[in-house]
Amino acid sequence: DARPTDALEVVRAATRHLARLGVDMIVSNQAAASWCDAFAAQGYLTGPSNFAIALSKPLAAVVKNSNAWTQTCHLTRGDGDGPIHL
């Protein structure tokens, strides 16, 4: 259970672990600013995403006029499709 304040250390530890395993590529889809910042601080590159989010009309109205939701909302791909939809 990682908090936004733990993001940098979690990303650092995960990167070290995966590097020790010899992975060829690490891909992570993130939306929350704390996690995006943590990945950037560890040298990850940003790129386009095919990840779509569907919101209810009331929620979409709130989000549309505010970037503040990226500070408090954590979205990540968790569908288990693996590399097929990267």
PDB file of N, CA and C in Angstrom:
ATOM      1  N   ASP A   1       0.851  -1.169   0.000  1.00  0.00           N
ATOM      2  CA  ASP A   1       0.000   0.000   0.000  1.00  0.00           C
ATOM      3  C   ASP A   1       0.900   1.237   0.000  1.00  0.00           C
ATOM      4  N   ALA A   2       1.229   1.754  -1.176  1.00  0.00           N
ATOM      5  CA  ALA A   2       2.138   2.900  -1.294  1.00  0.00           C
ATOM      6  C   ALA A   2       1.351   4.201  -1.382  1.00  0.00           C
ATOM      7  N   ARG A   3       1.796   5.163  -0.637  1.00  0.00           N
ATOM      8  CA  ARG A   3       1.191   6.495  -0.654  1.00  0.00           C
ATOM      9  C   ARG A   3       1.912   7.359  -1.689  1.00  0.00           C
ATOM     10  N   PRO A   4       1.281   8.445  -2.137  1.00  0.00           N
ATOM     11  CA  PRO A   4       1.962   9.345  -3.081  1.00  0.00           C
ATOM     12  C   PRO A   4       3.330   9.807  -2.579  1.00  0.00           C
ATOM     13  N   THR A   5       3.461   9.988  -1.284  1.00  0.00           N
ATOM     14  CA  THR A   5       4.748  10.420  -0.732  1.00  0.00           C
ATOM     15  C   THR A   5       5.805   9.324  -0.810  1.00  0.00           C
ATOM     16  N   ASP A   6       5.380   8.086  -1.052  1.00  0.00           N
ATOM     17  CA  ASP A   6       6.300   6.956  -1.186  1.00  0.00           C
ATOM     18  C   ASP A   6       6.697   6.697  -2.642  1.00  0.00           C
ATOM     19  N   ALA A   7       6.137   7.432  -3.567  1.00  0.00           N
ATOM     20  CA  ALA A   7       6.280   7.128  -4.985  1.00  0.00           C
ATOM     21  C   ALA A   7       7.735   7.020  -5.428  1.00  0.00           C
ATOM     22  N   LEU A   8       8.561   7.968  -5.055  1.00  0.00           N
ATOM     23  CA  LEU A   8       9.948   7.949  -5.519  1.00  0.00           C
ATOM     24  C   LEU A   8      10.673   6.696  -5.047  1.00  0.00           C
ATOM     25  N   GLU A   9      10.530   6.353  -3.776  1.00  0.00           N
ATOM     26  CA  GLU A   9      11.213   5.166  -3.262  1.00  0.00           C
ATOM     27  C   GLU A   9      10.640   3.881  -3.866  1.00  0.00           C
ATOM     28  N   VAL A  10       9.332   3.838  -4.099  1.00  0.00           N
ATOM     29  CA  VAL A  10       8.722   2.649  -4.722  1.00  0.00           C
ATOM     30  C   VAL A  10       9.239   2.472  -6.146  1.00  0.00           C
ATOM     31  N   VAL A  11       9.263   3.547  -6.909  1.00  0.00           N
ATOM     32  CA  VAL A  11       9.750   3.468  -8.295  1.00  0.00           C
ATOM     33  C   VAL A  11      11.230   3.090  -8.307  1.00  0.00           C
ATOM     34  N   ARG A  12      12.002   3.681  -7.426  1.00  0.00           N
ATOM     35  CA  ARG A  12      13.437   3.373  -7.338  1.00  0.00           C
ATOM     36  C   ARG A  12      13.652   1.888  -7.024  1.00  0.00           C
ATOM     37  N   ALA A  13      12.931   1.380  -6.032  1.00  0.00           N
ATOM     38  CA  ALA A  13      13.088  -0.022  -5.633  1.00  0.00           C
ATOM     39  C   ALA A  13      12.608  -0.971  -6.735  1.00  0.00           C
ATOM     40  N   ALA A  14      11.485  -0.658  -7.348  1.00  0.00           N
ATOM     41  CA  ALA A  14      10.960  -1.510  -8.421  1.00  0.00           C
ATOM     42  C   ALA A  14      11.911  -1.533  -9.610  1.00  0.00           C
ATOM     43  N   THR A  15      12.476  -0.393  -9.937  1.00  0.00           N
ATOM     44  CA  THR A  15      13.414  -0.313 -11.057  1.00  0.00           C
ATOM     45  C   THR A  15      14.654  -1.158 -10.779  1.00  0.00           C
ATOM     46  N   ARG A  16      15.201  -1.039  -9.584  1.00  0.00           N
ATOM     47  CA  ARG A  16      16.372  -1.847  -9.207  1.00  0.00           C
ATOM     48  C   ARG A  16      16.048  -3.346  -9.287  1.00  0.00           C
ATOM     49  N   HIS A  17      14.899  -3.716  -8.754  1.00  0.00           N
ATOM     50  CA  HIS A  17      14.496  -5.129  -8.760  1.00  0.00           C
ATOM     51  C   HIS A  17      14.353  -5.652 -10.188  1.00  0.00           C
ATOM     52  N   LEU A  18      13.672  -4.914 -11.023  1.00  0.00           N
ATOM     53  CA  LEU A  18      13.465  -5.365 -12.398  1.00  0.00           C
ATOM     54  C   LEU A  18      14.773  -5.389 -13.184  1.00  0.00           C
ATOM     55  N   ALA A  19      15.656  -4.450 -12.913  1.00  0.00           N
ATOM     56  CA  ALA A  19      16.968  -4.449 -13.570  1.00  0.00           C
ATOM     57  C   ALA A  19      17.759  -5.697 -13.175  1.00  0.00           C
ATOM     58  N   ARG A  20      17.696  -6.075 -11.896  1.00  0.00           N
ATOM     59  CA  ARG A  20      18.381  -7.291 -11.438  1.00  0.00           C
ATOM     60  C   ARG A  20      17.823  -8.533 -12.117  1.00  0.00           C
ATOM     61  N   LEU A  21      16.539  -8.493 -12.461  1.00  0.00           N
ATOM     62  CA  LEU A  21      15.926  -9.626 -13.168  1.00  0.00           C
ATOM     63  C   LEU A  21      16.288  -9.647 -14.645  1.00  0.00           C
ATOM     64  N   GLY A  22      16.859  -8.558 -15.139  1.00  0.00           N
ATOM     65  CA  GLY A  22      17.279  -8.498 -16.534  1.00  0.00           C
ATOM     66  C   GLY A  22      16.177  -8.167 -17.517  1.00  0.00           C
ATOM     67  N   VAL A  23      15.144  -7.473 -17.071  1.00  0.00           N
ATOM     68  CA  VAL A  23      14.060  -7.127 -18.000  1.00  0.00           C
ATOM     69  C   VAL A  23      14.580  -6.230 -19.119  1.00  0.00           C
ATOM     70  N   ASP A  24      13.955  -6.323 -20.273  1.00  0.00           N
ATOM     71  CA  ASP A  24      14.359  -5.528 -21.428  1.00  0.00           C
ATOM     72  C   ASP A  24      13.705  -4.148 -21.451  1.00  0.00           C
ATOM     73  N   MET A  25      12.500  -4.054 -20.910  1.00  0.00           N
ATOM     74  CA  MET A  25      11.773  -2.796 -20.957  1.00  0.00           C
ATOM     75  C   MET A  25      10.797  -2.740 -19.787  1.00  0.00           C
ATOM     76  N   ILE A  26      10.636  -1.530 -19.259  1.00  0.00           N
ATOM     77  CA  ILE A  26       9.650  -1.297 -18.207  1.00  0.00           C
ATOM     78  C   ILE A  26       8.670  -0.256 -18.729  1.00  0.00           C
ATOM     79  N   VAL A  27       7.396  -0.578 -18.687  1.00  0.00           N
ATOM     80  CA  VAL A  27       6.352   0.342 -19.123  1.00  0.00           C
ATOM     81  C   VAL A  27       5.375   0.514 -17.976  1.00  0.00           C
ATOM     82  N   SER A  28       5.012   1.750 -17.706  1.00  0.00           N
ATOM     83  CA  SER A  28       4.047   2.032 -16.648  1.00  0.00           C
ATOM     84  C   SER A  28       3.140   3.166 -17.101  1.00  0.00           C
ATOM     85  N   ASN A  29       1.862   2.978 -16.951  1.00  0.00           N
ATOM     86  CA  ASN A  29       0.893   4.027 -17.262  1.00  0.00           C
ATOM     87  C   ASN A  29       0.467   4.679 -15.962  1.00  0.00           C
ATOM     88  N   GLN A  30       0.700   5.970 -15.828  1.00  0.00           N
ATOM     89  CA  GLN A  30       0.381   6.693 -14.605  1.00  0.00           C
ATOM     90  C   GLN A  30      -0.328   7.994 -14.947  1.00  0.00           C
ATOM     91  N   ALA A  31      -1.125   8.479 -14.019  1.00  0.00           N
ATOM     92  CA  ALA A  31      -1.796   9.770 -14.198  1.00  0.00           C
ATOM     93  C   ALA A  31      -1.510  10.708 -13.031  1.00  0.00           C
ATOM     94  N   ALA A  32      -1.362  10.178 -11.837  1.00  0.00           N
ATOM     95  CA  ALA A  32      -1.159  11.020 -10.660  1.00  0.00           C
ATOM     96  C   ALA A  32       0.205  11.701 -10.730  1.00  0.00           C
ATOM     97  N   ALA A  33       0.230  12.984 -10.433  1.00  0.00           N
ATOM     98  CA  ALA A  33       1.449  13.783 -10.553  1.00  0.00           C
ATOM     99  C   ALA A  33       2.605  13.221  -9.734  1.00  0.00           C
ATOM    100  N   SER A  34       2.335  12.749  -8.528  1.00  0.00           N
ATOM    101  CA  SER A  34       3.421  12.244  -7.681  1.00  0.00           C
ATOM    102  C   SER A  34       4.110  11.043  -8.323  1.00  0.00           C
ATOM    103  N   TRP A  35       3.333  10.185  -8.949  1.00  0.00           N
ATOM    104  CA  TRP A  35       3.914   9.008  -9.598  1.00  0.00           C
ATOM    105  C   TRP A  35       4.612   9.388 -10.895  1.00  0.00           C
ATOM    106  N   CYS A  36       4.018  10.277 -11.680  1.00  0.00           N
ATOM    107  CA  CYS A  36       4.676  10.750 -12.906  1.00  0.00           C
ATOM    108  C   CYS A  36       6.006  11.400 -12.568  1.00  0.00           C
ATOM    109  N   ASP A  37       6.027  12.229 -11.529  1.00  0.00           N
ATOM    110  CA  ASP A  37       7.256  12.894 -11.104  1.00  0.00           C
ATOM    111  C   ASP A  37       8.301  11.881 -10.646  1.00  0.00           C
ATOM    112  N   ALA A  38       7.868  10.852  -9.937  1.00  0.00           N
ATOM    113  CA  ALA A  38       8.800   9.830  -9.453  1.00  0.00           C
ATOM    114  C   ALA A  38       9.436   9.072 -10.619  1.00  0.00           C
ATOM    115  N   PHE A  39       8.648   8.707 -11.601  1.00  0.00           N
ATOM    116  CA  PHE A  39       9.203   8.024 -12.765  1.00  0.00           C
ATOM    117  C   PHE A  39      10.158   8.929 -13.524  1.00  0.00           C
ATOM    118  N   ALA A  40       9.800  10.198 -13.687  1.00  0.00           N
ATOM    119  CA  ALA A  40      10.679  11.153 -14.372  1.00  0.00           C
ATOM    120  C   ALA A  40      11.998  11.309 -13.615  1.00  0.00           C
ATOM    121  N   ALA A  41      11.929  11.369 -12.293  1.00  0.00           N
ATOM    122  CA  ALA A  41      13.133  11.527 -11.475  1.00  0.00           C
ATOM    123  C   ALA A  41      14.066  10.322 -11.613  1.00  0.00           C
ATOM    124  N   GLN A  42      13.520   9.172 -11.953  1.00  0.00           N
ATOM    125  CA  GLN A  42      14.324   7.969 -12.138  1.00  0.00           C
ATOM    126  C   GLN A  42      14.759   7.783 -13.593  1.00  0.00           C
ATOM    127  N   GLY A  43      14.482   8.780 -14.437  1.00  0.00           N
ATOM    128  CA  GLY A  43      14.954   8.740 -15.813  1.00  0.00           C
ATOM    129  C   GLY A  43      14.018   8.106 -16.814  1.00  0.00           C
ATOM    130  N   TYR A  44      12.781   7.824 -16.411  1.00  0.00           N
ATOM    131  CA  TYR A  44      11.824   7.256 -17.351  1.00  0.00           C
ATOM    132  C   TYR A  44      11.392   8.320 -18.348  1.00  0.00           C
ATOM    133  N   LEU A  45      11.103   7.898 -19.549  1.00  0.00           N
ATOM    134  CA  LEU A  45      10.640   8.782 -20.607  1.00  0.00           C
ATOM    135  C   LEU A  45       9.121   8.768 -20.654  1.00  0.00           C
ATOM    136  N   THR A  46       8.540   9.845 -21.129  1.00  0.00           N
ATOM    137  CA  THR A  46       7.093   9.868 -21.333  1.00  0.00           C
ATOM    138  C   THR A  46       6.792   9.616 -22.797  1.00  0.00           C
ATOM    139  N   GLY A  47       5.606   9.129 -23.043  1.00  0.00           N
ATOM    140  CA  GLY A  47       5.212   8.851 -24.416  1.00  0.00           C
ATOM    141  C   GLY A  47       3.709   8.859 -24.531  1.00  0.00           C
ATOM    142  N   PRO A  48       3.231   8.640 -25.742  1.00  0.00           N
ATOM    143  CA  PRO A  48       1.784   8.632 -25.950  1.00  0.00           C
ATOM    144  C   PRO A  48       1.155   7.414 -25.280  1.00  0.00           C
ATOM    145  N   SER A  49      -0.119   7.511 -25.043  1.00  0.00           N
ATOM    146  CA  SER A  49      -0.845   6.411 -24.413  1.00  0.00           C
ATOM    147  C   SER A  49      -2.116   6.112 -25.189  1.00  0.00           C
ATOM    148  N   ASN A  50      -2.467   4.846 -25.232  1.00  0.00           N
ATOM    149  CA  ASN A  50      -3.741   4.447 -25.818  1.00  0.00           C
ATOM    150  C   ASN A  50      -4.735   4.104 -24.716  1.00  0.00           C
ATOM    151  N   PHE A  51      -4.431   4.538 -23.502  1.00  0.00           N
ATOM    152  CA  PHE A  51      -5.258   4.262 -22.331  1.00  0.00           C
ATOM    153  C   PHE A  51      -6.416   5.250 -22.289  1.00  0.00           C
ATOM    154  N   ALA A  52      -7.612   4.748 -22.298  1.00  0.00           N
ATOM    155  CA  ALA A  52      -8.799   5.606 -22.279  1.00  0.00           C
ATOM    156  C   ALA A  52      -9.459   5.523 -20.906  1.00  0.00           C
ATOM    157  N   ILE A  53     -10.083   6.610 -20.523  1.00  0.00           N
ATOM    158  CA  ILE A  53     -10.820   6.626 -19.268  1.00  0.00           C
ATOM    159  C   ILE A  53     -12.239   7.097 -19.572  1.00  0.00           C
ATOM    160  N   ALA A  54     -13.198   6.415 -19.040  1.00  0.00           N
ATOM    161  CA  ALA A  54     -14.598   6.792 -19.223  1.00  0.00           C
ATOM    162  C   ALA A  54     -15.128   7.327 -17.892  1.00  0.00           C
ATOM    163  N   LEU A  55     -15.672   8.518 -17.925  1.00  0.00           N
ATOM    164  CA  LEU A  55     -16.188   9.157 -16.717  1.00  0.00           C
ATOM    165  C   LEU A  55     -17.688   9.389 -16.837  1.00  0.00           C
ATOM    166  N   SER A  56     -18.354   9.365 -15.717  1.00  0.00           N
ATOM    167  CA  SER A  56     -19.766   9.738 -15.714  1.00  0.00           C
ATOM    168  C   SER A  56     -19.867  11.218 -16.078  1.00  0.00           C
ATOM    169  N   LYS A  57     -21.007  11.654 -16.545  1.00  0.00           N
ATOM    170  CA  LYS A  57     -21.180  13.064 -16.916  1.00  0.00           C
ATOM    171  C   LYS A  57     -20.903  14.014 -15.751  1.00  0.00           C
ATOM    172  N   PRO A  58     -21.412  13.734 -14.543  1.00  0.00           N
ATOM    173  CA  PRO A  58     -21.117  14.639 -13.428  1.00  0.00           C
ATOM    174  C   PRO A  58     -19.618  14.709 -13.099  1.00  0.00           C
ATOM    175  N   LEU A  59     -18.945  13.580 -13.125  1.00  0.00           N
ATOM    176  CA  LEU A  59     -17.517  13.583 -12.832  1.00  0.00           C
ATOM    177  C   LEU A  59     -16.738  14.259 -13.951  1.00  0.00           C
ATOM    178  N   ALA A  60     -17.120  14.011 -15.193  1.00  0.00           N
ATOM    179  CA  ALA A  60     -16.458  14.651 -16.322  1.00  0.00           C
ATOM    180  C   ALA A  60     -16.564  16.175 -16.235  1.00  0.00           C
ATOM    181  N   ALA A  61     -17.696  16.673 -15.782  1.00  0.00           N
ATOM    182  CA  ALA A  61     -17.879  18.123 -15.637  1.00  0.00           C
ATOM    183  C   ALA A  61     -16.910  18.701 -14.607  1.00  0.00           C
ATOM    184  N   VAL A  62     -16.674  17.969 -13.540  1.00  0.00           N
ATOM    185  CA  VAL A  62     -15.738  18.426 -12.504  1.00  0.00           C
ATOM    186  C   VAL A  62     -14.309  18.401 -13.032  1.00  0.00           C
ATOM    187  N   VAL A  63     -13.941  17.311 -13.677  1.00  0.00           N
ATOM    188  CA  VAL A  63     -12.577  17.118 -14.159  1.00  0.00           C
ATOM    189  C   VAL A  63     -12.238  18.060 -15.309  1.00  0.00           C
ATOM    190  N   LYS A  64     -13.198  18.326 -16.148  1.00  0.00           N
ATOM    191  CA  LYS A  64     -12.968  19.126 -17.353  1.00  0.00           C
ATOM    192  C   LYS A  64     -12.330  20.475 -17.059  1.00  0.00           C
ATOM    193  N   ASN A  65     -12.728  21.110 -16.010  1.00  0.00           N
ATOM    194  CA  ASN A  65     -12.258  22.458 -15.714  1.00  0.00           C
ATOM    195  C   ASN A  65     -11.193  22.518 -14.625  1.00  0.00           C
ATOM    196  N   SER A  66     -10.572  21.396 -14.347  1.00  0.00           N
ATOM    197  CA  SER A  66      -9.583  21.395 -13.273  1.00  0.00           C
ATOM    198  C   SER A  66      -8.484  20.388 -13.547  1.00  0.00           C
ATOM    199  N   ASN A  67      -7.263  20.817 -13.362  1.00  0.00           N
ATOM    200  CA  ASN A  67      -6.138  19.881 -13.431  1.00  0.00           C
ATOM    201  C   ASN A  67      -5.805  19.337 -12.048  1.00  0.00           C
ATOM    202  N   ALA A  68      -6.502  19.810 -11.023  1.00  0.00           N
ATOM    203  CA  ALA A  68      -6.219  19.397  -9.648  1.00  0.00           C
ATOM    204  C   ALA A  68      -6.463  17.907  -9.430  1.00  0.00           C
ATOM    205  N   TRP A  69      -7.324  17.293 -10.222  1.00  0.00           N
ATOM    206  CA  TRP A  69      -7.617  15.881 -10.020  1.00  0.00           C
ATOM    207  C   TRP A  69      -6.370  15.022 -10.205  1.00  0.00           C
ATOM    208  N   THR A  70      -5.388  15.465 -11.008  1.00  0.00           N
ATOM    209  CA  THR A  70      -4.173  14.672 -11.182  1.00  0.00           C
ATOM    210  C   THR A  70      -3.331  14.653  -9.914  1.00  0.00           C
ATOM    211  N   GLN A  71      -3.615  15.558  -8.990  1.00  0.00           N
ATOM    212  CA  GLN A  71      -2.900  15.569  -7.717  1.00  0.00           C
ATOM    213  C   GLN A  71      -3.493  14.562  -6.730  1.00  0.00           C
ATOM    214  N   THR A  72      -4.746  14.195  -6.925  1.00  0.00           N
ATOM    215  CA  THR A  72      -5.420  13.349  -5.942  1.00  0.00           C
ATOM    216  C   THR A  72      -5.963  12.040  -6.501  1.00  0.00           C
ATOM    217  N   CYS A  73      -5.989  11.884  -7.791  1.00  0.00           N
ATOM    218  CA  CYS A  73      -6.553  10.688  -8.413  1.00  0.00           C
ATOM    219  C   CYS A  73      -5.428   9.813  -8.959  1.00  0.00           C
ATOM    220  N   HIS A  74      -5.437   8.555  -8.590  1.00  0.00           N
ATOM    221  CA  HIS A  74      -4.410   7.616  -9.052  1.00  0.00           C
ATOM    222  C   HIS A  74      -5.034   6.662 -10.060  1.00  0.00           C
ATOM    223  N   LEU A  75      -4.595   6.760 -11.298  1.00  0.00           N
ATOM    224  CA  LEU A  75      -5.059   5.863 -12.355  1.00  0.00           C
ATOM    225  C   LEU A  75      -3.869   5.079 -12.863  1.00  0.00           C
ATOM    226  N   THR A  76      -4.041   3.795 -13.037  1.00  0.00           N
ATOM    227  CA  THR A  76      -2.999   2.975 -13.630  1.00  0.00           C
ATOM    228  C   THR A  76      -3.646   1.806 -14.352  1.00  0.00           C
ATOM    229  N   ARG A  77      -3.008   1.359 -15.401  1.00  0.00           N
ATOM    230  CA  ARG A  77      -3.555   0.248 -16.170  1.00  0.00           C
ATOM    231  C   ARG A  77      -3.456  -1.020 -15.343  1.00  0.00           C
ATOM    232  N   GLY A  78      -4.553  -1.685 -15.144  1.00  0.00           N
ATOM    233  CA  GLY A  78      -4.540  -2.892 -14.338  1.00  0.00           C
ATOM    234  C   GLY A  78      -5.342  -4.012 -14.956  1.00  0.00           C
ATOM    235  N   ASP A  79      -5.462  -3.999 -16.268  1.00  0.00           N
ATOM    236  CA  ASP A  79      -6.356  -4.961 -16.908  1.00  0.00           C
ATOM    237  C   ASP A  79      -5.690  -6.308 -17.178  1.00  0.00           C
ATOM    238  N   GLY A  80      -4.391  -6.412 -17.012  1.00  0.00           N
ATOM    239  CA  GLY A  80      -3.719  -7.680 -17.184  1.00  0.00           C
ATOM    240  C   GLY A  80      -3.542  -8.131 -18.618  1.00  0.00           C
ATOM    241  N   ASP A  81      -3.709  -7.240 -19.583  1.00  0.00           N
ATOM    242  CA  ASP A  81      -3.555  -7.619 -20.981  1.00  0.00           C
ATOM    243  C   ASP A  81      -2.114  -7.927 -21.362  1.00  0.00           C
ATOM    244  N   GLY A  82      -1.183  -7.497 -20.550  1.00  0.00           N
ATOM    245  CA  GLY A  82       0.218  -7.718 -20.884  1.00  0.00           C
ATOM    246  C   GLY A  82       0.648  -6.844 -22.036  1.00  0.00           C
ATOM    247  N   PRO A  83       1.670  -7.258 -22.787  1.00  0.00           N
ATOM    248  CA  PRO A  83       2.255  -6.406 -23.817  1.00  0.00           C
ATOM    249  C   PRO A  83       1.407  -6.209 -25.073  1.00  0.00           C
ATOM    250  N   ILE A  84       0.287  -6.895 -25.174  1.00  0.00           N
ATOM    251  CA  ILE A  84      -0.496  -6.825 -26.404  1.00  0.00           C
ATOM    252  C   ILE A  84      -1.061  -5.434 -26.678  1.00  0.00           C
ATOM    253  N   HIS A  85      -1.378  -4.659 -25.661  1.00  0.00           N
ATOM    254  CA  HIS A  85      -1.999  -3.351 -25.871  1.00  0.00           C
ATOM    255  C   HIS A  85      -1.131  -2.181 -25.397  1.00  0.00           C
ATOM    256  N   LEU A  86       0.181  -2.352 -25.413  1.00  0.00           N
ATOM    257  CA  LEU A  86       1.057  -1.265 -25.006  1.00  0.00           C
ATOM    258  C   LEU A  86       1.093  -0.215 -26.081  1.00  0.00           C
TER     259      LEU A  86
END
